[in-house]
Amino acid sequence: MSRGPAQRSWCVVVPHHATGARLARHRLADELADVVPPALLADLVAVLAELVGNAVRHADALPGGVVRVAWRLRATERGPSVQLRVTDGGAGAGPRMRVATPDAADGRGLHIVAGLASRWGVDRDGLGQSVWAEFDPAGSHRPDLVAAG
């Protein structure tokens, strides 16, 4: 892992299709592999895949049949802070955590997001919705994500 600029931001569009999650995961991993600890990168990739997958399954596409994926990396004294944001055309009720039985095939995604991220939420405007997740080393429940001091 090398030290890079104090802040980096990216914004890409991916298809509103199952391949969109794969493309987003690969792009994120390529961009951040040399900048964040491997454990954090694994969590970022898992959460991004879940957010894009949810956008594809449960929400409308943005104009052009796409989902917008953005991430922002900030260097802090305690380690990297990252925000992921997935913007889609919106859905009726918006994302919510569900109760999944042990035998259910789905319904655990936002629980995974909540478990890995420091916090997450939803922003809505007239064009759609953005689901975001933040990874803050100071508030992390994972000691392997905090830089050694």
Protein backbone atom coordinates (compact mmCIF):
# COMPACT_ATOMS: atom_id res chain seq x y z
CA MET A 1 0.00 0.00 0.00
CA SER A 2 1.37 3.36 -0.96
CA ARG A 3 0.43 6.80 0.24
CA GLY A 4 -1.38 8.83 -2.36
CA PRO A 5 -3.07 12.21 -2.53
CA ALA A 6 -5.09 13.44 0.44
CA GLN A 7 -8.32 13.06 -1.52
CA ARG A 8 -9.44 11.21 -4.64
CA SER A 9 -12.87 11.01 -6.23
CA TRP A 10 -14.32 8.94 -9.06
CA CYS A 11 -17.65 8.77 -10.80
CA VAL A 12 -18.51 6.16 -13.42
CA VAL A 13 -21.67 4.84 -14.98
CA VAL A 14 -22.39 1.15 -15.35
CA PRO A 15 -25.25 -0.64 -17.09
CA HIS A 16 -28.50 -1.10 -15.17
CA HIS A 17 -27.92 -4.81 -15.56
CA ALA A 18 -26.29 -7.60 -13.55
CA THR A 19 -23.00 -6.92 -15.33
CA GLY A 20 -23.03 -3.41 -13.82
CA ALA A 21 -22.12 -4.74 -10.37
CA ARG A 22 -19.19 -6.71 -11.77
CA LEU A 23 -17.90 -3.72 -13.72
CA ALA A 24 -18.21 -1.46 -10.66
CA ARG A 25 -16.40 -3.96 -8.41
CA HIS A 26 -13.50 -4.30 -10.82
CA ARG A 27 -13.16 -0.56 -11.35
CA LEU A 28 -13.19 0.14 -7.60
CA ALA A 29 -10.65 -2.62 -6.92
CA ASP A 30 -8.36 -1.37 -9.69
CA GLU A 31 -8.50 2.23 -8.45
CA LEU A 32 -8.01 1.56 -4.74
CA ALA A 33 -5.88 -1.62 -4.56
CA ASP A 34 -2.65 0.29 -3.90
CA VAL A 35 -4.23 2.93 -1.68
CA VAL A 36 -6.30 1.20 1.02
CA PRO A 37 -5.62 -1.83 3.25
CA PRO A 38 -6.73 -5.17 1.74
CA ALA A 39 -9.38 -5.76 4.43
CA LEU A 40 -10.97 -2.38 3.71
CA LEU A 41 -10.85 -3.00 -0.03
CA ALA A 42 -12.65 -6.32 0.45
CA ASP A 43 -15.39 -4.58 2.45
CA LEU A 44 -15.69 -1.78 -0.11
CA VAL A 45 -16.02 -4.25 -2.97
CA ALA A 46 -18.66 -6.29 -1.11
CA VAL A 47 -20.73 -3.23 -0.23
CA LEU A 48 -20.48 -1.69 -3.69
CA ALA A 49 -21.57 -4.97 -5.29
CA GLU A 50 -24.56 -5.09 -2.95
CA LEU A 51 -25.58 -1.47 -3.60
CA VAL A 52 -25.31 -1.79 -7.39
CA GLY A 53 -27.06 -5.16 -7.31
CA ASN A 54 -29.91 -3.64 -5.30
CA ALA A 55 -30.18 -0.74 -7.74
CA VAL A 56 -30.45 -3.17 -10.63
CA ARG A 57 -32.97 -5.47 -8.91
CA HIS A 58 -35.17 -2.96 -7.12
CA ALA A 59 -34.92 0.47 -8.78
CA ASP A 60 -35.36 2.11 -12.14
CA ALA A 61 -32.38 3.05 -14.29
CA LEU A 62 -31.17 6.58 -14.79
CA PRO A 63 -31.68 7.98 -18.31
CA GLY A 64 -29.61 5.93 -20.74
CA GLY A 65 -30.21 2.68 -18.84
CA VAL A 66 -27.38 3.24 -16.35
CA VAL A 67 -26.56 3.46 -12.66
CA ARG A 68 -24.05 6.07 -11.46
CA VAL A 69 -21.34 4.84 -9.11
CA ALA A 70 -19.11 7.24 -7.21
CA TRP A 71 -16.55 6.95 -4.47
CA ARG A 72 -14.48 9.44 -2.55
CA LEU A 73 -11.31 8.61 -0.66
CA ARG A 74 -9.86 10.94 1.97
CA ALA A 75 -6.61 10.33 3.82
CA THR A 76 -6.89 10.88 7.57
CA GLU A 77 -4.41 10.45 10.41
CA ARG A 78 -6.15 7.21 11.43
CA GLY A 79 -6.31 5.79 7.93
CA PRO A 80 -8.38 6.11 4.76
CA SER A 81 -11.98 7.28 4.89
CA VAL A 82 -14.12 6.20 1.94
CA GLN A 83 -17.65 7.03 0.84
CA LEU A 84 -19.44 4.94 -1.78
CA ARG A 85 -22.54 6.28 -3.53
CA VAL A 86 -24.83 4.50 -6.01
CA THR A 87 -27.44 6.60 -7.79
CA ASP A 88 -30.37 5.12 -9.68
CA GLY A 89 -33.71 6.29 -11.01
CA GLY A 90 -35.47 5.51 -7.75
CA ALA A 91 -37.97 2.98 -6.57
CA GLY A 92 -41.36 3.24 -4.92
CA ALA A 93 -40.60 2.75 -1.24
CA GLY A 94 -36.83 3.01 -1.40
CA PRO A 95 -34.33 0.66 0.22
CA ARG A 96 -35.10 -0.79 3.62
CA MET A 97 -33.73 -3.56 5.76
CA ARG A 98 -35.81 -6.73 5.71
CA VAL A 99 -36.05 -9.61 8.10
CA ALA A 100 -34.79 -12.73 6.36
CA THR A 101 -35.41 -16.22 7.66
CA PRO A 102 -32.48 -18.65 7.66
CA ASP A 103 -33.96 -20.35 4.57
CA ALA A 104 -34.60 -17.14 2.59
CA ALA A 105 -32.63 -16.78 -0.63
CA ASP A 106 -32.30 -13.00 -0.25
CA GLY A 107 -33.09 -10.10 2.07
CA ARG A 108 -29.74 -9.80 3.84
CA GLY A 109 -27.99 -7.26 1.64
CA LEU A 110 -28.55 -4.09 3.62
CA HIS A 111 -27.67 -5.96 6.82
CA ILE A 112 -24.32 -6.73 5.20
CA VAL A 113 -23.93 -3.06 4.23
CA ALA A 114 -24.79 -1.94 7.78
CA GLY A 115 -22.39 -4.49 9.26
CA LEU A 116 -19.41 -3.50 7.13
CA ALA A 117 -19.87 0.27 6.78
CA SER A 118 -19.57 2.83 9.57
CA ARG A 119 -22.92 4.24 8.45
CA TRP A 120 -25.20 4.23 5.42
CA GLY A 121 -28.26 6.06 4.18
CA VAL A 122 -30.41 7.23 1.30
CA ASP A 123 -30.70 10.65 -0.35
CA ARG A 124 -33.60 11.38 -2.68
CA ASP A 125 -34.18 14.18 -5.14
CA GLY A 126 -36.42 14.75 -8.12
CA LEU A 127 -34.23 12.62 -10.39
CA GLY A 128 -33.88 9.49 -8.29
CA GLN A 129 -32.12 8.22 -5.22
CA SER A 130 -28.58 7.70 -3.99
CA VAL A 131 -27.71 5.01 -1.50
CA TRP A 132 -24.42 5.73 0.23
CA ALA A 133 -22.13 3.97 2.66
CA GLU A 134 -19.23 5.50 4.58
CA PHE A 135 -16.17 3.74 5.92
CA ASP A 136 -14.52 5.81 8.64
CA PRO A 137 -11.46 4.33 10.38
CA ALA A 138 -12.10 6.36 13.53
CA GLY A 139 -15.55 4.81 13.87
CA SER A 140 -14.66 1.42 12.46
CA HIS A 141 -15.58 -1.71 14.33
CA ARG A 142 -12.80 -3.49 12.45
CA PRO A 143 -9.35 -2.89 14.00
CA ASP A 144 -7.61 -4.18 10.84
CA LEU A 145 -8.97 -1.17 8.92
CA VAL A 146 -7.35 1.41 11.18
CA ALA A 147 -3.81 2.46 10.29
CA ALA A 148 -1.15 1.58 12.83
CA GLY A 149 0.03 4.65 14.65
